[in-house]
Protein backbone atom coordinates (compact mmCIF):
# COMPACT_ATOMS: atom_id res chain seq x y z
CA MET A 1 36.36 -40.15 56.93
CA VAL A 2 33.11 -41.22 55.25
CA ALA A 3 31.55 -38.53 53.06
CA THR A 4 28.19 -37.24 54.28
CA TYR A 5 26.34 -38.17 51.09
CA TRP A 6 26.51 -41.84 52.04
CA ASP A 7 24.17 -41.02 54.95
CA GLY A 8 21.48 -39.49 52.72
CA ALA A 9 18.19 -41.25 52.01
CA VAL A 10 18.96 -41.54 48.29
CA LEU A 11 22.32 -43.31 48.48
CA ARG A 12 21.22 -45.47 51.41
CA SER A 13 18.29 -46.72 49.35
CA VAL A 14 20.43 -47.83 46.38
CA LEU A 15 22.92 -49.93 48.35
CA GLY A 16 20.54 -52.88 48.51
CA VAL A 17 20.20 -52.79 44.73
CA VAL A 18 23.97 -52.71 44.29
CA GLU A 19 24.38 -55.75 46.53
CA LYS A 20 21.76 -57.80 44.67
CA SER A 21 22.39 -56.65 41.08
CA ARG A 22 22.47 -59.31 38.39
CA HIS A 23 22.69 -57.15 35.26
CA VAL A 24 25.06 -54.29 36.21
CA LYS A 25 28.25 -54.19 38.26
CA THR A 26 30.56 -51.35 39.28
CA SER A 27 34.29 -51.95 38.94
CA ARG A 28 36.14 -50.51 41.92
CA GLU A 29 39.41 -51.02 40.05
CA ALA A 30 38.14 -48.89 37.16
CA VAL A 31 36.90 -46.23 39.58
CA ASP A 32 40.39 -45.90 41.04
CA ARG A 33 41.98 -45.89 37.59
CA VAL A 34 39.72 -43.09 36.31
CA ALA A 35 40.14 -41.10 39.51
CA GLY A 36 43.90 -41.40 39.04
CA TRP A 37 43.75 -39.04 36.06
CA MET A 38 40.46 -37.18 36.52
CA ALA A 39 41.49 -35.90 39.95
CA TYR A 40 44.03 -33.61 38.30
CA GLU A 41 41.57 -31.91 35.98
CA GLU A 42 40.25 -28.45 36.69
CA PHE A 43 36.74 -28.57 38.14
CA VAL A 44 35.33 -25.07 38.01
CA PHE A 45 32.24 -24.75 40.19
CA PRO A 46 29.42 -24.13 37.69
CA ARG A 47 27.77 -20.73 37.88
CA GLY A 48 24.67 -19.24 36.35
CA GLY A 49 22.24 -22.10 36.84
CA VAL A 50 19.61 -22.79 34.23
CA ALA A 51 20.44 -19.68 32.22
CA GLY A 52 23.55 -21.27 30.72
CA GLU A 53 24.01 -19.67 27.33
CA PHE A 54 20.79 -17.66 27.62
CA GLY A 55 20.00 -14.51 29.55
CA VAL A 56 17.06 -14.82 31.94
CA GLY A 57 17.38 -11.52 33.79
CA SER A 58 18.41 -10.87 37.38
CA ASN A 59 15.09 -11.10 39.22
CA PRO A 60 15.60 -13.98 41.69
CA ASP A 61 11.92 -14.92 41.75
CA ASP A 62 11.87 -15.23 37.96
CA ILE A 63 15.07 -17.30 38.10
CA ILE A 64 13.44 -19.65 40.61
CA ASP A 65 10.32 -19.95 38.45
CA ILE A 66 12.32 -20.67 35.29
CA THR A 67 14.57 -23.16 37.06
CA MET A 68 11.65 -25.14 38.44
CA LEU A 69 9.84 -25.07 35.09
CA VAL A 70 12.92 -26.55 33.44
CA ALA A 71 13.24 -29.15 36.22
CA THR A 72 9.61 -30.12 35.63
CA LEU A 73 10.25 -30.78 31.93
CA ASN A 74 13.82 -32.09 31.99
CA PHE A 75 13.22 -35.63 30.73
CA ALA A 76 13.16 -37.80 27.58
CA PHE A 77 14.79 -36.02 24.67
CA THR A 78 15.37 -39.09 22.49
CA ASP A 79 12.69 -40.51 20.18
CA PHE A 80 11.95 -44.00 21.46
CA ASP A 81 11.33 -45.43 17.99
CA THR A 82 14.17 -43.91 15.99
CA GLY A 83 16.78 -43.13 18.66
CA CYS A 84 17.00 -39.57 17.25
CA LYS A 85 17.71 -36.80 19.78
CA PHE A 86 15.65 -33.61 19.92
CA LYS A 87 17.50 -30.58 18.53
CA ALA A 88 16.40 -26.99 18.06
CA ASP A 89 17.90 -24.04 16.20
CA TYR A 90 18.01 -20.79 18.16
CA GLN A 91 20.22 -17.71 18.18
CA GLY A 92 22.32 -19.02 15.32
CA ARG A 93 23.16 -22.36 16.92
CA THR A 94 21.76 -25.87 17.13
CA TRP A 95 21.01 -27.02 20.67
CA SER A 96 20.72 -30.71 21.55
CA ASP A 97 19.02 -32.69 24.29
CA SER A 98 17.99 -30.67 27.38
CA LEU A 99 19.69 -27.58 25.96
CA GLY A 100 17.39 -27.83 22.94
CA MET A 101 14.41 -27.92 25.29
CA PHE A 102 15.61 -24.85 27.16
CA ALA A 103 16.31 -22.99 23.92
CA CYS A 104 12.65 -23.50 22.99
CA LEU A 105 11.46 -22.36 26.42
CA HIS A 106 13.69 -19.29 26.30
CA GLN A 107 12.37 -18.35 22.87
CA ALA A 108 8.78 -18.74 24.06
CA LEU A 109 9.39 -16.63 27.17
CA THR A 110 11.14 -13.98 25.07
CA ASN A 111 8.08 -13.93 22.80
CA GLY A 112 5.77 -13.32 25.75
CA VAL A 113 4.35 -16.80 26.38
CA PRO A 114 3.44 -16.78 30.13
CA LEU A 115 5.12 -20.09 30.95
CA LEU A 116 5.87 -19.04 34.54
CA ASP A 117 2.20 -18.50 35.38
CA GLY A 118 0.34 -21.39 36.98
CA GLU A 119 -2.92 -20.30 35.33
CA TYR A 120 -1.33 -20.71 31.90
CA LEU A 121 0.29 -24.04 32.78
CA ALA A 122 -2.98 -25.43 34.12
CA SER A 123 -4.77 -24.75 30.82
CA LEU A 124 -1.91 -25.54 28.43
CA THR A 125 -2.83 -27.73 25.44
CA ARG A 126 -0.90 -30.15 23.28
CA SER A 127 -1.13 -27.68 20.43
CA ASP A 128 0.49 -25.02 22.63
CA LEU A 129 3.43 -27.34 23.31
CA GLU A 130 3.78 -28.22 19.63
CA GLY A 131 4.23 -24.51 18.96
CA ILE A 132 6.76 -24.08 21.75
CA PHE A 133 8.91 -27.15 21.03
CA ARG A 134 9.74 -26.80 17.36
CA GLY A 135 12.77 -28.87 16.43
CA ASN A 136 14.13 -31.59 14.19
CA ILE A 137 11.60 -34.09 15.61
CA GLU A 138 8.46 -33.84 17.71
CA MET A 139 9.45 -33.42 21.33
CA PRO A 140 9.19 -36.93 22.87
CA MET A 141 6.34 -37.60 25.31
CA LEU A 142 4.48 -34.42 24.44
CA ASP A 143 1.17 -35.65 25.85
CA GLU A 144 2.82 -36.54 29.15
CA ARG A 145 4.45 -33.10 29.30
CA ARG A 146 1.09 -31.44 28.79
CA GLN A 147 -0.47 -33.52 31.58
CA ILE A 148 2.40 -32.79 33.98
CA LEU A 149 2.30 -29.04 33.33
CA ASN A 150 -1.47 -29.00 33.83
CA GLN A 151 -1.10 -30.79 37.18
CA VAL A 152 1.77 -28.57 38.34
CA GLY A 153 -0.17 -25.47 37.33
CA GLU A 154 -3.17 -26.57 39.37
CA VAL A 155 -1.04 -27.06 42.51
CA LEU A 156 0.60 -23.67 42.03
CA ILE A 157 -2.81 -21.99 41.68
CA ASP A 158 -4.32 -23.79 44.67
CA ARG A 159 -1.44 -23.26 47.12
CA TYR A 160 1.11 -20.73 45.88
CA GLU A 161 -0.69 -17.96 43.96
CA GLY A 162 0.43 -19.50 40.68
CA ARG A 163 4.20 -19.16 41.06
CA PHE A 164 6.94 -21.65 41.91
CA HIS A 165 9.05 -19.12 43.83
CA ARG A 166 6.37 -18.84 46.50
CA PHE A 167 6.61 -22.59 47.07
CA VAL A 168 10.43 -22.58 47.13
CA ARG A 169 10.59 -19.70 49.59
CA SER A 170 8.16 -21.48 51.92
CA CYS A 171 10.56 -24.44 52.28
CA ALA A 172 13.75 -24.82 54.29
CA PRO A 173 16.68 -24.27 51.87
CA ALA A 174 17.94 -27.83 52.20
CA MET A 175 17.35 -31.28 50.83
CA TYR A 176 16.57 -32.66 54.27
CA ALA A 177 15.10 -30.68 57.20
CA ASP A 178 12.80 -33.00 59.15
CA GLY A 179 10.24 -32.98 56.36
CA GLU A 180 10.47 -29.23 55.68
CA GLY A 181 13.42 -29.38 53.26
CA LEU A 182 12.81 -28.27 49.70
CA MET A 183 13.41 -31.72 48.25
CA GLU A 184 11.30 -33.41 50.92
CA ARG A 185 8.33 -31.16 50.23
CA LEU A 186 8.82 -31.07 46.47
CA ILE A 187 8.36 -34.83 46.09
CA VAL A 188 5.25 -34.76 48.29
CA GLU A 189 3.45 -31.68 46.97
CA PHE A 190 4.38 -32.21 43.32
CA PRO A 191 4.15 -35.97 42.67
CA ARG A 192 5.84 -35.66 39.27
CA PHE A 193 9.12 -35.29 41.24
CA ASP A 194 8.63 -38.45 43.35
CA ASP A 195 11.16 -40.61 41.54
CA THR A 196 10.82 -43.81 43.57
CA SER A 197 11.06 -47.38 42.30
CA ASN A 198 10.55 -50.73 44.04
CA TYR A 199 13.28 -53.35 43.79
CA HIS A 200 12.42 -56.77 45.17
CA GLY A 201 10.15 -55.23 47.81
CA ALA A 202 12.39 -52.31 48.80
CA ASP A 203 11.81 -48.68 47.85
CA VAL A 204 14.64 -47.06 45.89
CA HIS A 205 14.68 -43.26 45.97
CA ILE A 206 16.44 -41.69 42.97
CA HIS A 207 14.83 -38.21 42.79
CA LYS A 208 16.81 -37.14 39.75
CA LEU A 209 14.75 -34.11 38.74
CA ALA A 210 14.19 -32.88 42.29
CA GLN A 211 17.91 -32.93 43.06
CA LEU A 212 18.82 -31.39 39.71
CA GLY A 213 16.36 -28.58 40.33
CA LEU A 214 17.93 -27.82 43.72
CA TRP A 215 21.46 -27.96 42.30
CA THR A 216 20.49 -25.58 39.51
CA LEU A 217 18.89 -23.16 41.97
CA HIS A 218 22.04 -23.19 44.07
CA MET A 219 24.24 -22.48 41.05
CA ALA A 220 21.99 -19.61 39.94
CA LEU A 221 21.50 -17.81 43.25
CA HIS A 222 24.31 -18.76 45.63
CA ASP A 223 26.71 -16.01 44.59
CA SER A 224 24.09 -13.28 44.97
CA GLY A 225 23.05 -14.53 48.40
CA GLU A 226 19.42 -14.83 47.30
CA TRP A 227 19.24 -18.57 47.94
CA SER A 228 21.64 -21.41 48.64
CA LEU A 229 21.29 -25.07 49.55
CA GLY A 230 22.39 -25.71 53.09
CA ASP A 231 23.27 -29.39 52.65
CA LEU A 232 24.80 -29.47 49.18
CA SER A 233 27.22 -32.17 50.32
CA MET A 234 24.28 -34.60 50.67
CA MET A 235 23.43 -34.45 46.97
CA THR A 236 24.01 -37.42 44.66
CA ALA A 237 24.44 -37.75 40.92
CA PHE A 238 21.45 -37.24 38.63
CA ALA A 239 20.61 -40.70 37.33
CA ASP A 240 19.71 -40.18 33.68
CA TYR A 241 20.53 -41.67 30.27
CA ILE A 242 23.88 -39.93 29.74
CA VAL A 243 25.99 -40.50 32.86
CA PRO A 244 25.70 -44.30 32.43
CA VAL A 245 27.21 -43.86 28.95
CA ALA A 246 30.23 -42.13 30.47
CA LEU A 247 30.60 -44.81 33.13
CA ASP A 248 30.35 -47.52 30.47
CA VAL A 249 32.92 -45.88 28.18
CA MET A 250 35.31 -45.60 31.13
CA ASP A 251 34.76 -49.31 31.97
CA ILE A 252 33.43 -48.41 35.41
CA PHE A 253 30.19 -50.12 34.45
CA GLU A 254 30.11 -53.81 33.65
CA TYR A 255 26.91 -54.88 31.88
CA THR A 256 25.93 -58.45 31.23
CA PRO A 257 26.35 -59.28 27.52
CA GLU A 258 22.56 -59.47 27.15
CA LEU A 259 21.95 -56.02 28.63
CA ALA A 260 24.86 -54.49 26.69
CA SER A 261 23.35 -55.89 23.49
CA ARG A 262 19.88 -54.54 24.29
CA ILE A 263 21.29 -51.06 24.91
CA ALA A 264 23.38 -51.13 21.73
CA GLU A 265 20.38 -52.24 19.65
CA GLY A 266 18.02 -49.64 21.11
CA ASP A 267 15.68 -52.14 22.75
CA MET A 268 13.30 -50.64 25.28
CA ILE A 269 14.33 -51.18 28.90
CA GLU A 270 11.07 -51.12 30.82
CA ARG A 271 10.56 -48.58 33.58
CA ASP A 272 10.99 -50.20 37.02
CA SER A 273 12.45 -53.38 35.55
CA ASP A 274 15.42 -54.86 37.42
CA GLU A 275 17.69 -53.76 34.58
CA GLU A 276 16.53 -50.14 34.65
CA ILE A 277 16.69 -49.83 38.42
CA GLU A 278 20.16 -51.40 38.49
CA ILE A 279 21.47 -48.99 35.84
CA ARG A 280 20.23 -46.02 37.84
CA ALA A 281 21.30 -47.35 41.24
CA HIS A 282 24.80 -48.10 40.00
CA THR A 283 24.95 -44.63 38.42
CA LEU A 284 24.51 -43.11 41.87
CA TYR A 285 26.79 -45.62 43.57
CA ALA A 286 29.61 -45.46 41.02
CA THR A 287 29.58 -41.67 40.86
CA ALA A 288 29.76 -41.45 44.65
CA LEU A 289 32.69 -43.89 44.67
CA LEU A 290 34.40 -41.87 41.94
CA THR A 291 33.92 -38.67 43.92
CA ASP A 292 35.42 -40.37 46.99
CA ALA A 293 38.43 -41.56 44.99
CA ILE A 294 38.97 -38.18 43.32
CA ASN A 295 38.75 -36.30 46.61
CA ALA A 296 41.28 -38.65 48.19
CA LEU A 297 43.81 -37.30 45.67
CA ARG A 298 42.91 -33.61 45.90
CA PRO A 299 43.85 -31.11 48.60
CA PRO A 300 41.06 -30.24 51.06
CA ASP A 301 40.34 -26.85 49.50
CA LEU A 302 39.82 -28.41 46.05
CA ARG A 303 37.55 -31.29 47.00
CA LEU A 304 34.38 -31.80 45.00
CA VAL A 305 30.71 -32.43 45.57
CA ILE A 306 29.10 -35.22 43.56
CA PRO A 307 27.20 -32.94 41.13
CA GLN A 308 30.52 -31.52 39.92
CA VAL A 309 31.66 -35.01 38.94
CA ASP A 310 28.24 -35.73 37.44
CA PHE A 311 28.52 -32.59 35.29
CA ARG A 312 32.01 -33.58 34.17
CA LEU A 313 30.63 -36.91 32.92
CA TRP A 314 27.39 -35.54 31.46
CA SER A 315 28.96 -32.62 29.62
CA SER A 316 31.44 -34.90 27.85
CA TYR A 317 28.82 -37.34 26.55
CA HIS A 318 25.40 -35.65 26.35
CA ALA A 319 25.74 -35.15 22.58
CA SER A 320 27.52 -38.46 21.94
CA PHE A 321 26.35 -40.81 19.19
CA ARG A 322 26.98 -43.79 21.50
CA PRO A 323 23.64 -45.50 22.27
CA HIS A 324 22.23 -45.09 25.75
CA HIS A 325 19.56 -47.20 27.39
CA LEU A 326 16.01 -46.29 26.40
CA THR A 327 13.30 -46.18 29.05
CA ARG A 328 9.97 -44.49 28.54
CA THR A 329 9.53 -42.43 31.69
CA VAL A 330 8.83 -38.88 32.83
CA MET A 331 11.43 -39.12 35.60
CA TYR A 332 14.54 -38.54 33.44
């Protein structure tokens, strides 16, 4: 039986890249080998959503607003010149990568900064963001973050009375629903989420941040019954910088020597280059294959959705010192 995620627009769009790739390959043999031991691990379904280690209260509308704010900003935490990752100290701990970003947001919200208000986002300045994101380095792509938040704030003011939850609740709670699904509308109404590349004349739909936002909403609100994603099984991995590291370490990825050298040396991989698109396409393809292989070894009541496998890979390597590819982009 073919898993439903292979029928989704995202995975369908990457298959042409996989077939034509010259810089990245996926080893089916390695997929089966890794599945042979990973299938027997415990995969607890993540709960709590974006809150993670931090309390964000129980108001579902606030949880939606915070989740979508984080999804909007969840990109580029490594300095492109030095390779140094953003870290922030908060509540007696040091938080790295996206967790460092959320620690800063949580501190700002706790201190009364109205980050959930579209009016505030629309008028936010670079100086405001410098004050919010205080860490070991300047938050990468700060100017781009300011521009994105200004644009998102304007849409929220114009259409949704300044709050993300009003947008979310106006959509069908699904990725795909004949154009009315949350992901379908998110990438149209908020262009910062339209993560589409063109590979030799064909559009490749990755939609990392849009999917991650929906997954996080589901984790946060499913148990309470406030909101759940109706087609969770259609979701793919979240093609970022970290999951390719895991796939490389496990020998599932096979890079050409030239690309492997460029990644190891911290050379910039240009956005929408063949190399970058192939890395991301194979991330989705390989993770789907790995999920297939794992599920073939697990009983029906313990089968996984792709984001669970993605989280297993990401959580093991997100703080790793191993170099990942560097691409200057606001999409991941």
